[in-house]
Amino acid sequence: MSAGTALIVGASRALGLGLATEYAHRGWDVIGTVRGDRRTGLHDLAEASGGRVTVESLDMTEPEQIAALRERLADRTLDLLFVNAAIARGNVPVGEVPTEMFVDVMVTNALSPMRVVESLRSLVAPTGTIGIMSSRQGSLGLNTNGGQDVYRASKSALNQLMRSYAARYADAAHTLLLLCPGHVRTQLGGPDAPLTIDESIPGVADTIDRHSGEPGLRFLNYQGQPVPW
């Protein structure tokens, strides 16, 4: 896939920052979003990029901020829209999960990414790519051990919502991807995870690029292998 313009939502650190860095190194123009006005690794990347990387502010759980970003980017054409954002609120059995925690995880991990996609899809080139960072923990078929009940449920909900989106826009030529980065050493993945960001993210980018121009929805891991729904 030739270099283009990528919008990466949730690029202040960890996997999102890694993906922004990877695409910048591949010669892309990258727009990355961060929450609030605090300085992040994305700001450092932007300063060193010679104008190739720019920073936008977005809390995607606030619909009015999504709409404002849409207006600010109205004259841009995106070859890749990628939403990377997820939270976990502890490994708590579902019967003990406070309602506020459940709502927080579901809004952040499932509802908000889809709001971003729905709002910004018109900025994506007709044969461009829309991707979201999912997880193998969202797979019903692979859940044989349980645990992380609400996080798993949020990723399953995200996958289901993306399937509904794909069905609703079945006539569009966009490539639609749900990507599993593997178990990565991040704040979310924990210090004992087997993969580093540098081991995962190039594979994520390669998988995105490999399927560029192929319409329809796929659920894949960072090695490009299908993940069971």
Protein backbone atom coordinates (compact mmCIF):
# COMPACT_ATOMS: atom_id res chain seq x y z
CA MET A 1 0.00 0.00 0.00
CA SER A 2 1.47 3.35 -1.00
CA ALA A 3 1.84 6.07 1.62
CA GLY A 4 -1.23 8.15 2.35
CA THR A 5 -2.93 9.91 5.24
CA ALA A 6 -3.87 8.08 8.42
CA LEU A 7 -6.00 9.25 11.33
CA ILE A 8 -5.22 7.23 14.44
CA VAL A 9 -7.64 7.84 17.29
CA GLY A 10 -6.05 7.18 20.67
CA ALA A 11 -2.38 7.69 19.82
CA SER A 12 -0.92 9.22 22.96
CA ARG A 13 0.87 6.08 24.17
CA ALA A 14 1.34 2.32 23.93
CA LEU A 15 -0.24 0.63 20.89
CA GLY A 16 -1.73 3.79 19.41
CA LEU A 17 1.53 5.70 19.64
CA GLY A 18 3.35 2.67 18.24
CA LEU A 19 1.01 2.58 15.25
CA ALA A 20 1.40 6.32 14.64
CA THR A 21 5.17 5.92 14.79
CA GLU A 22 5.11 2.95 12.42
CA TYR A 23 3.08 4.76 9.77
CA ALA A 24 5.20 7.88 10.06
CA HIS A 25 8.29 5.75 9.48
CA ARG A 26 6.57 4.29 6.41
CA GLY A 27 6.23 7.76 4.93
CA TRP A 28 2.59 8.43 5.78
CA ASP A 29 1.09 11.69 6.97
CA VAL A 30 -0.34 10.87 10.38
CA ILE A 31 -3.00 12.67 12.39
CA GLY A 32 -3.08 11.33 15.94
CA THR A 33 -5.51 12.18 18.70
CA VAL A 34 -4.92 12.59 22.42
CA ARG A 35 -7.26 13.39 25.28
CA GLY A 36 -6.93 16.78 26.89
CA ASP A 37 -3.97 19.11 26.58
CA ARG A 38 -1.26 17.22 28.46
CA ARG A 39 1.99 16.51 26.68
CA THR A 40 2.36 12.96 25.38
CA GLY A 41 4.70 10.80 23.36
CA LEU A 42 2.69 11.76 20.29
CA HIS A 43 3.74 15.39 20.76
CA ASP A 44 7.38 14.30 20.81
CA LEU A 45 6.83 12.27 17.64
CA ALA A 46 5.15 15.24 15.95
CA GLU A 47 8.00 17.59 16.84
CA ALA A 48 10.55 15.21 15.32
CA SER A 49 8.51 14.44 12.21
CA GLY A 50 9.11 17.54 10.12
CA GLY A 51 5.38 18.18 9.83
CA ARG A 52 4.45 14.63 8.88
CA VAL A 53 2.67 14.00 12.23
CA THR A 54 0.05 16.33 13.67
CA VAL A 55 -1.81 16.18 16.97
CA GLU A 56 -5.54 16.65 17.50
CA SER A 57 -7.43 16.67 20.79
CA LEU A 58 -10.30 14.23 21.21
CA ASP A 59 -12.12 12.50 24.03
CA MET A 60 -14.14 10.07 21.96
CA THR A 61 -16.59 9.44 24.79
CA GLU A 62 -17.85 13.01 24.21
CA PRO A 63 -19.98 13.10 21.01
CA GLU A 64 -19.59 16.84 20.62
CA GLN A 65 -15.81 16.43 20.48
CA ILE A 66 -16.16 13.85 17.70
CA ALA A 67 -18.34 16.29 15.77
CA ALA A 68 -15.81 19.08 16.31
CA LEU A 69 -12.98 16.89 15.03
CA ARG A 70 -15.08 16.05 11.98
CA GLU A 71 -15.43 19.76 11.25
CA ARG A 72 -11.72 20.43 11.73
CA LEU A 73 -10.82 17.65 9.29
CA ALA A 74 -13.58 18.37 6.78
CA ASP A 75 -11.12 19.21 3.99
CA ARG A 76 -8.94 16.13 4.53
CA THR A 77 -9.18 12.75 2.81
CA LEU A 78 -8.14 9.78 4.89
CA ASP A 79 -6.69 6.61 3.45
CA LEU A 80 -6.83 4.99 6.88
CA LEU A 81 -9.09 5.68 9.85
CA PHE A 82 -7.99 3.57 12.81
CA VAL A 83 -9.56 3.68 16.27
CA ASN A 84 -7.38 2.47 19.11
CA ALA A 85 -8.82 2.84 22.57
CA ALA A 86 -9.74 0.50 25.38
CA ILE A 87 -9.97 0.42 29.14
CA ALA A 88 -10.33 -2.36 31.69
CA ARG A 89 -11.54 -1.81 35.21
CA GLY A 90 -10.16 -4.91 36.86
CA ASN A 91 -10.83 -8.64 36.71
CA VAL A 92 -14.16 -8.67 38.53
CA PRO A 93 -16.84 -11.39 38.16
CA VAL A 94 -19.81 -9.92 36.34
CA GLY A 95 -22.14 -10.38 39.31
CA GLU A 96 -19.92 -8.08 41.36
CA VAL A 97 -19.41 -5.39 38.73
CA PRO A 98 -20.81 -1.98 39.71
CA THR A 99 -23.18 -0.55 37.11
CA GLU A 100 -21.02 2.56 36.68
CA MET A 101 -17.98 0.40 35.86
CA PHE A 102 -19.94 -1.65 33.34
CA VAL A 103 -21.25 1.44 31.59
CA ASP A 104 -17.82 3.09 31.55
CA VAL A 105 -16.13 0.12 29.89
CA MET A 106 -18.93 -0.42 27.38
CA VAL A 107 -19.12 3.24 26.37
CA THR A 108 -15.35 3.52 25.96
CA ASN A 109 -14.63 0.18 24.28
CA ALA A 110 -17.73 -0.42 22.15
CA LEU A 111 -20.03 2.58 21.70
CA SER A 112 -17.45 5.35 21.31
CA PRO A 113 -15.30 3.68 18.62
CA MET A 114 -18.41 3.12 16.54
CA ARG A 115 -19.51 6.72 17.00
CA VAL A 116 -16.11 7.78 15.64
CA VAL A 117 -16.44 5.46 12.66
CA GLU A 118 -19.98 6.58 11.87
CA SER A 119 -19.08 10.26 12.14
CA LEU A 120 -15.81 10.20 10.20
CA ARG A 121 -16.52 7.54 7.56
CA SER A 122 -17.29 10.18 4.93
CA LEU A 123 -13.72 11.48 5.24
CA VAL A 124 -12.30 8.09 4.25
CA ALA A 125 -11.38 7.65 0.59
CA PRO A 126 -13.86 5.46 -1.33
CA THR A 127 -11.42 2.53 -1.31
CA GLY A 128 -9.80 3.43 2.01
CA THR A 129 -9.59 1.41 5.20
CA ILE A 130 -11.47 1.68 8.49
CA GLY A 131 -9.95 -0.31 11.34
CA ILE A 132 -10.54 -0.76 15.04
CA MET A 133 -8.29 -2.39 17.62
CA SER A 134 -10.21 -5.35 18.98
CA SER A 135 -8.96 -8.36 20.95
CA ARG A 136 -9.07 -12.14 20.88
CA GLN A 137 -10.83 -11.73 24.24
CA GLY A 138 -13.80 -10.53 22.22
CA SER A 139 -14.04 -13.95 20.56
CA LEU A 140 -16.90 -16.10 21.83
CA GLY A 141 -15.30 -19.23 20.40
CA LEU A 142 -11.97 -18.68 22.14
CA ASN A 143 -13.40 -17.96 25.58
CA THR A 144 -12.69 -21.22 27.38
CA ASN A 145 -11.13 -19.81 30.55
CA GLY A 146 -13.40 -16.89 31.49
CA GLY A 147 -12.08 -13.92 33.43
CA GLN A 148 -12.03 -10.23 32.53
CA ASP A 149 -15.79 -10.49 32.10
CA VAL A 150 -16.64 -6.89 31.29
CA TYR A 151 -13.61 -6.27 29.09
CA ARG A 152 -14.41 -9.43 27.10
CA ALA A 153 -18.05 -8.39 26.80
CA SER A 154 -17.09 -4.92 25.57
CA LYS A 155 -14.89 -6.31 22.82
CA SER A 156 -17.57 -8.82 21.81
CA ALA A 157 -20.04 -5.94 21.66
CA LEU A 158 -17.59 -3.92 19.55
CA ASN A 159 -17.24 -6.81 17.11
CA GLN A 160 -21.01 -7.22 16.87
CA LEU A 161 -21.53 -3.50 16.30
CA MET A 162 -18.90 -3.51 13.57
CA ARG A 163 -20.64 -6.44 11.87
CA SER A 164 -23.89 -4.47 11.92
CA TYR A 165 -22.05 -1.47 10.50
CA ALA A 166 -20.59 -3.62 7.72
CA ALA A 167 -24.04 -4.96 6.86
CA ARG A 168 -25.56 -1.48 6.82
CA TYR A 169 -22.90 -0.20 4.43
CA ALA A 170 -22.51 -3.41 2.42
CA ASP A 171 -22.44 -1.46 -0.85
CA ALA A 172 -19.44 0.64 0.23
CA ALA A 173 -15.95 -0.29 -0.97
CA HIS A 174 -14.18 0.40 2.32
CA THR A 175 -11.90 -2.23 3.80
CA LEU A 176 -13.14 -2.93 7.33
CA LEU A 177 -10.82 -4.53 9.87
CA LEU A 178 -11.05 -5.61 13.48
CA LEU A 179 -7.44 -6.16 14.57
CA CYS A 180 -6.12 -8.17 17.49
CA PRO A 181 -2.60 -6.99 18.40
CA GLY A 182 -1.78 -10.05 20.48
CA HIS A 183 -0.99 -10.05 24.18
CA VAL A 184 1.28 -7.03 24.42
CA ARG A 185 3.24 -5.56 27.31
CA THR A 186 1.22 -2.41 27.94
CA GLN A 187 -0.60 -1.06 30.98
CA LEU A 188 -3.60 -3.05 29.81
CA GLY A 189 -1.72 -6.21 28.82
CA GLY A 190 0.50 -6.31 31.90
CA PRO A 191 4.26 -6.66 32.37
CA ASP A 192 4.32 -10.43 31.75
CA ALA A 193 2.72 -10.32 28.29
CA PRO A 194 4.79 -12.20 25.68
CA LEU A 195 4.90 -9.46 23.03
CA THR A 196 6.44 -6.01 22.98
CA ILE A 197 4.86 -3.14 21.10
CA ASP A 198 7.71 -3.31 18.59
CA GLU A 199 6.92 -6.98 17.95
CA SER A 200 3.18 -6.46 17.53
CA ILE A 201 2.67 -3.16 15.73
CA PRO A 202 4.61 -3.78 12.50
CA GLY A 203 2.46 -6.86 12.00
CA VAL A 204 -0.70 -4.84 12.62
CA ALA A 205 0.40 -2.31 9.99
CA ASP A 206 1.41 -5.06 7.55
CA THR A 207 -2.01 -6.70 7.98
CA ILE A 208 -3.81 -3.42 7.38
CA ASP A 209 -1.73 -2.71 4.28
CA ARG A 210 -2.10 -6.26 2.94
CA HIS A 211 -5.88 -5.98 2.85
CA SER A 212 -6.04 -2.45 1.46
CA GLY A 213 -8.56 -2.23 -1.34
CA GLU A 214 -10.41 -5.40 -0.31
CA PRO A 215 -14.00 -4.48 0.61
CA GLY A 216 -15.76 -6.16 3.50
CA LEU A 217 -15.12 -6.94 7.17
CA ARG A 218 -12.39 -9.16 8.59
CA PHE A 219 -11.40 -10.05 12.17
CA LEU A 220 -7.65 -10.71 12.12
CA ASN A 221 -4.68 -10.91 14.44
CA TYR A 222 -1.42 -9.01 14.09
CA GLN A 223 -0.01 -11.84 11.97
CA GLY A 224 -2.89 -11.57 9.51
CA GLN A 225 -4.58 -14.78 10.66
CA PRO A 226 -8.38 -14.92 11.08
CA VAL A 227 -9.68 -14.79 14.65
CA PRO A 228 -12.83 -16.83 15.43
CA TRP A 229 -15.86 -14.69 16.09
